[in-house]
Amino acid sequence: MADTYPSAEGAAPPPAPSRPHWDPRYIQTVPGLLKVGQVVVSIIAFICSIAQGYTHSSTGFFEFVSMTAFWISLVLLFFYLLHVISWMSRLPWLMAEFFYCAIWTLLYVIASIVIASVSAKYASTGALKAASFFGFVAAAAYGVDAFFKFRAWRSDDRPQDD
């Protein structure tokens, strides 16, 4: 055991966290596919909501929800691709991501219902109907991800292996 150094109690110290490095294999996992799906569906929902050209407070709320979800999920995706999550393993990533996904599921459901009701009131609002559809798809993606994050968090899994 030349490469482990005993601590004061005689046990080996915990392994040093790995440095950030590029690893595209994350995209091939179920959480990676969900994260990519969240990013793609969020940007499609945002594009559909602004393509209508109709200004209403509900469209503004939907645009906020979809664009904020896009940017946060994109940052988290790059954190996973660069192994920043495993490098900063002392933070409760799974718990934080569970709450993030659960909150965004709720926000997407609310925003999609509101924008669907607005699109039902007015004629020629096809883009808003599409935005509502993609909002519900995004809510489903965030809901499934929240379920997996909750299960992993409660079973004390690591958010990312090295």
Protein backbone atom coordinates (compact mmCIF):
# COMPACT_ATOMS: atom_id res chain seq x y z
CA MET A 1 0.00 0.00 0.00
CA ALA A 2 2.56 2.51 -1.04
CA ASP A 3 0.04 4.88 -2.59
CA THR A 4 -2.29 5.31 0.42
CA TYR A 5 -1.32 7.30 3.46
CA PRO A 6 -2.94 6.42 6.78
CA SER A 7 -4.63 9.19 8.67
CA ALA A 8 -4.40 9.72 12.42
CA GLU A 9 -6.94 6.91 13.00
CA GLY A 10 -5.04 4.49 10.77
CA ALA A 11 -7.54 4.56 7.87
CA ALA A 12 -6.64 5.62 4.37
CA PRO A 13 -7.80 9.12 3.38
CA PRO A 14 -10.72 9.41 0.97
CA PRO A 15 -9.75 9.45 -2.69
CA ALA A 16 -9.16 12.85 -4.20
CA PRO A 17 -11.95 13.99 -6.51
CA SER A 18 -11.14 13.80 -10.17
CA ARG A 19 -10.49 16.97 -12.10
CA PRO A 20 -13.04 18.15 -14.67
CA HIS A 21 -12.62 16.40 -17.99
CA TRP A 22 -14.69 16.00 -21.13
CA ASP A 23 -16.73 12.78 -21.20
CA PRO A 24 -19.49 12.57 -23.85
CA ARG A 25 -20.57 9.11 -22.59
CA TYR A 26 -23.01 10.87 -20.23
CA ILE A 27 -25.32 11.57 -23.19
CA GLN A 28 -25.72 7.81 -23.72
CA THR A 29 -27.19 7.29 -20.23
CA VAL A 30 -30.86 7.69 -19.31
CA PRO A 31 -30.21 10.85 -17.21
CA GLY A 32 -28.12 12.23 -20.08
CA LEU A 33 -30.85 11.57 -22.63
CA LEU A 34 -33.40 13.21 -20.33
CA LYS A 35 -31.16 16.26 -19.91
CA VAL A 36 -30.64 16.59 -23.67
CA GLY A 37 -34.38 16.14 -24.20
CA GLN A 38 -35.12 18.87 -21.65
CA VAL A 39 -32.77 21.28 -23.40
CA VAL A 40 -34.16 20.54 -26.87
CA VAL A 41 -37.84 20.61 -25.88
CA SER A 42 -37.37 23.81 -23.84
CA ILE A 43 -35.84 25.69 -26.77
CA ILE A 44 -38.51 24.38 -29.16
CA ALA A 45 -41.25 25.49 -26.74
CA PHE A 46 -39.63 28.92 -26.44
CA ILE A 47 -39.33 29.31 -30.22
CA CYS A 48 -42.97 28.33 -30.68
CA SER A 49 -44.12 30.85 -28.07
CA ILE A 50 -42.22 33.75 -29.62
CA ALA A 51 -43.09 32.72 -33.20
CA GLN A 52 -46.71 33.64 -32.58
CA GLY A 53 -45.88 37.30 -32.20
CA TYR A 54 -48.81 37.61 -29.81
CA THR A 55 -48.02 39.59 -26.67
CA HIS A 56 -49.83 38.58 -23.53
CA SER A 57 -48.70 38.23 -19.92
CA SER A 58 -49.20 34.47 -20.13
CA THR A 59 -46.85 34.19 -23.09
CA GLY A 60 -44.28 36.17 -21.15
CA PHE A 61 -44.56 33.73 -18.24
CA PHE A 62 -44.25 30.77 -20.60
CA GLU A 63 -41.21 32.33 -22.27
CA PHE A 64 -39.62 32.89 -18.86
CA VAL A 65 -40.23 29.28 -17.80
CA SER A 66 -38.97 27.75 -21.05
CA MET A 67 -35.91 29.97 -21.45
CA THR A 68 -34.85 29.65 -17.81
CA ALA A 69 -35.28 25.88 -18.01
CA PHE A 70 -33.23 25.84 -21.21
CA TRP A 71 -30.27 27.72 -19.74
CA ILE A 72 -30.20 25.93 -16.39
CA SER A 73 -30.51 22.51 -18.02
CA LEU A 74 -27.83 23.41 -20.57
CA VAL A 75 -25.44 24.44 -17.79
CA LEU A 76 -26.20 21.24 -15.87
CA LEU A 77 -25.65 19.20 -19.04
CA PHE A 78 -22.20 20.75 -19.48
CA PHE A 79 -21.45 20.19 -15.79
CA TYR A 80 -22.15 16.49 -16.31
CA LEU A 81 -20.24 16.32 -19.59
CA LEU A 82 -17.22 17.96 -17.94
CA HIS A 83 -17.55 15.90 -14.72
CA VAL A 84 -17.89 19.06 -12.64
CA ILE A 85 -20.58 17.23 -10.68
CA SER A 86 -18.18 14.48 -9.56
CA TRP A 87 -15.43 17.04 -8.92
CA MET A 88 -17.70 18.98 -6.55
CA SER A 89 -19.12 15.87 -4.91
CA ARG A 90 -19.58 17.43 -1.48
CA LEU A 91 -22.58 19.40 -2.72
CA PRO A 92 -25.97 17.64 -2.54
CA TRP A 93 -26.44 17.53 -6.31
CA LEU A 94 -29.17 14.92 -6.41
CA MET A 95 -31.30 16.71 -3.85
CA ALA A 96 -30.82 20.06 -5.60
CA GLU A 97 -31.61 18.59 -9.00
CA PHE A 98 -34.65 16.79 -7.63
CA PHE A 99 -36.09 20.07 -6.34
CA TYR A 100 -35.13 21.87 -9.55
CA CYS A 101 -36.86 19.25 -11.71
CA ALA A 102 -39.92 19.09 -9.45
CA ILE A 103 -40.34 22.88 -9.43
CA TRP A 104 -39.87 23.12 -13.19
CA THR A 105 -42.38 20.32 -13.74
CA LEU A 106 -44.94 22.35 -11.81
CA LEU A 107 -44.03 25.61 -13.59
CA TYR A 108 -44.23 23.98 -17.02
CA VAL A 109 -47.65 22.45 -16.23
CA ILE A 110 -49.00 25.81 -15.04
CA ALA A 111 -47.51 27.75 -17.96
CA SER A 112 -48.71 25.19 -20.51
CA ILE A 113 -52.26 25.19 -19.14
CA VAL A 114 -52.36 28.98 -19.18
CA ILE A 115 -50.97 29.27 -22.70
CA ALA A 116 -53.33 26.54 -23.92
CA SER A 117 -56.30 28.45 -22.52
CA VAL A 118 -55.10 31.67 -24.18
CA SER A 119 -54.65 29.90 -27.51
CA ALA A 120 -58.20 28.53 -27.26
CA LYS A 121 -59.65 32.05 -26.93
CA TYR A 122 -58.16 33.51 -30.09
CA ALA A 123 -58.07 32.44 -33.72
CA SER A 124 -54.86 31.58 -35.57
CA THR A 125 -52.78 30.76 -32.54
CA GLY A 126 -51.22 27.57 -33.85
CA ALA A 127 -47.77 28.45 -32.56
CA LEU A 128 -49.17 28.89 -29.04
CA LYS A 129 -50.86 25.51 -29.29
CA ALA A 130 -47.55 23.98 -30.34
CA ALA A 131 -45.80 25.79 -27.49
CA SER A 132 -48.35 24.39 -25.07
CA PHE A 133 -47.81 20.88 -26.43
CA PHE A 134 -44.02 21.15 -26.09
CA GLY A 135 -44.50 22.63 -22.64
CA PHE A 136 -46.40 19.53 -21.57
CA VAL A 137 -43.70 17.34 -23.12
CA ALA A 138 -41.07 19.29 -21.18
CA ALA A 139 -43.12 18.91 -17.99
CA ALA A 140 -43.18 15.16 -18.55
CA ALA A 141 -39.40 15.08 -19.12
CA TYR A 142 -38.75 17.10 -15.96
CA GLY A 143 -41.22 14.94 -14.02
CA VAL A 144 -39.51 11.70 -15.07
CA ASP A 145 -36.12 13.21 -14.25
CA ALA A 146 -37.42 14.35 -10.84
CA PHE A 147 -38.61 10.79 -10.16
CA PHE A 148 -35.20 9.33 -11.00
CA LYS A 149 -33.36 12.01 -9.02
CA PHE A 150 -35.59 11.39 -6.00
CA ARG A 151 -34.95 7.64 -6.11
CA ALA A 152 -31.21 8.18 -6.44
CA TRP A 153 -31.17 10.78 -3.68
CA ARG A 154 -33.09 8.58 -1.24
CA SER A 155 -30.86 5.56 -1.96
CA ASP A 156 -27.69 7.65 -1.43
CA ASP A 157 -26.40 7.14 -4.96
CA ARG A 158 -23.63 9.27 -6.34
CA PRO A 159 -24.80 11.81 -8.93
CA GLN A 160 -22.02 10.84 -11.32
CA ASP A 161 -19.36 8.17 -11.38
CA ASP A 162 -15.81 9.04 -12.30
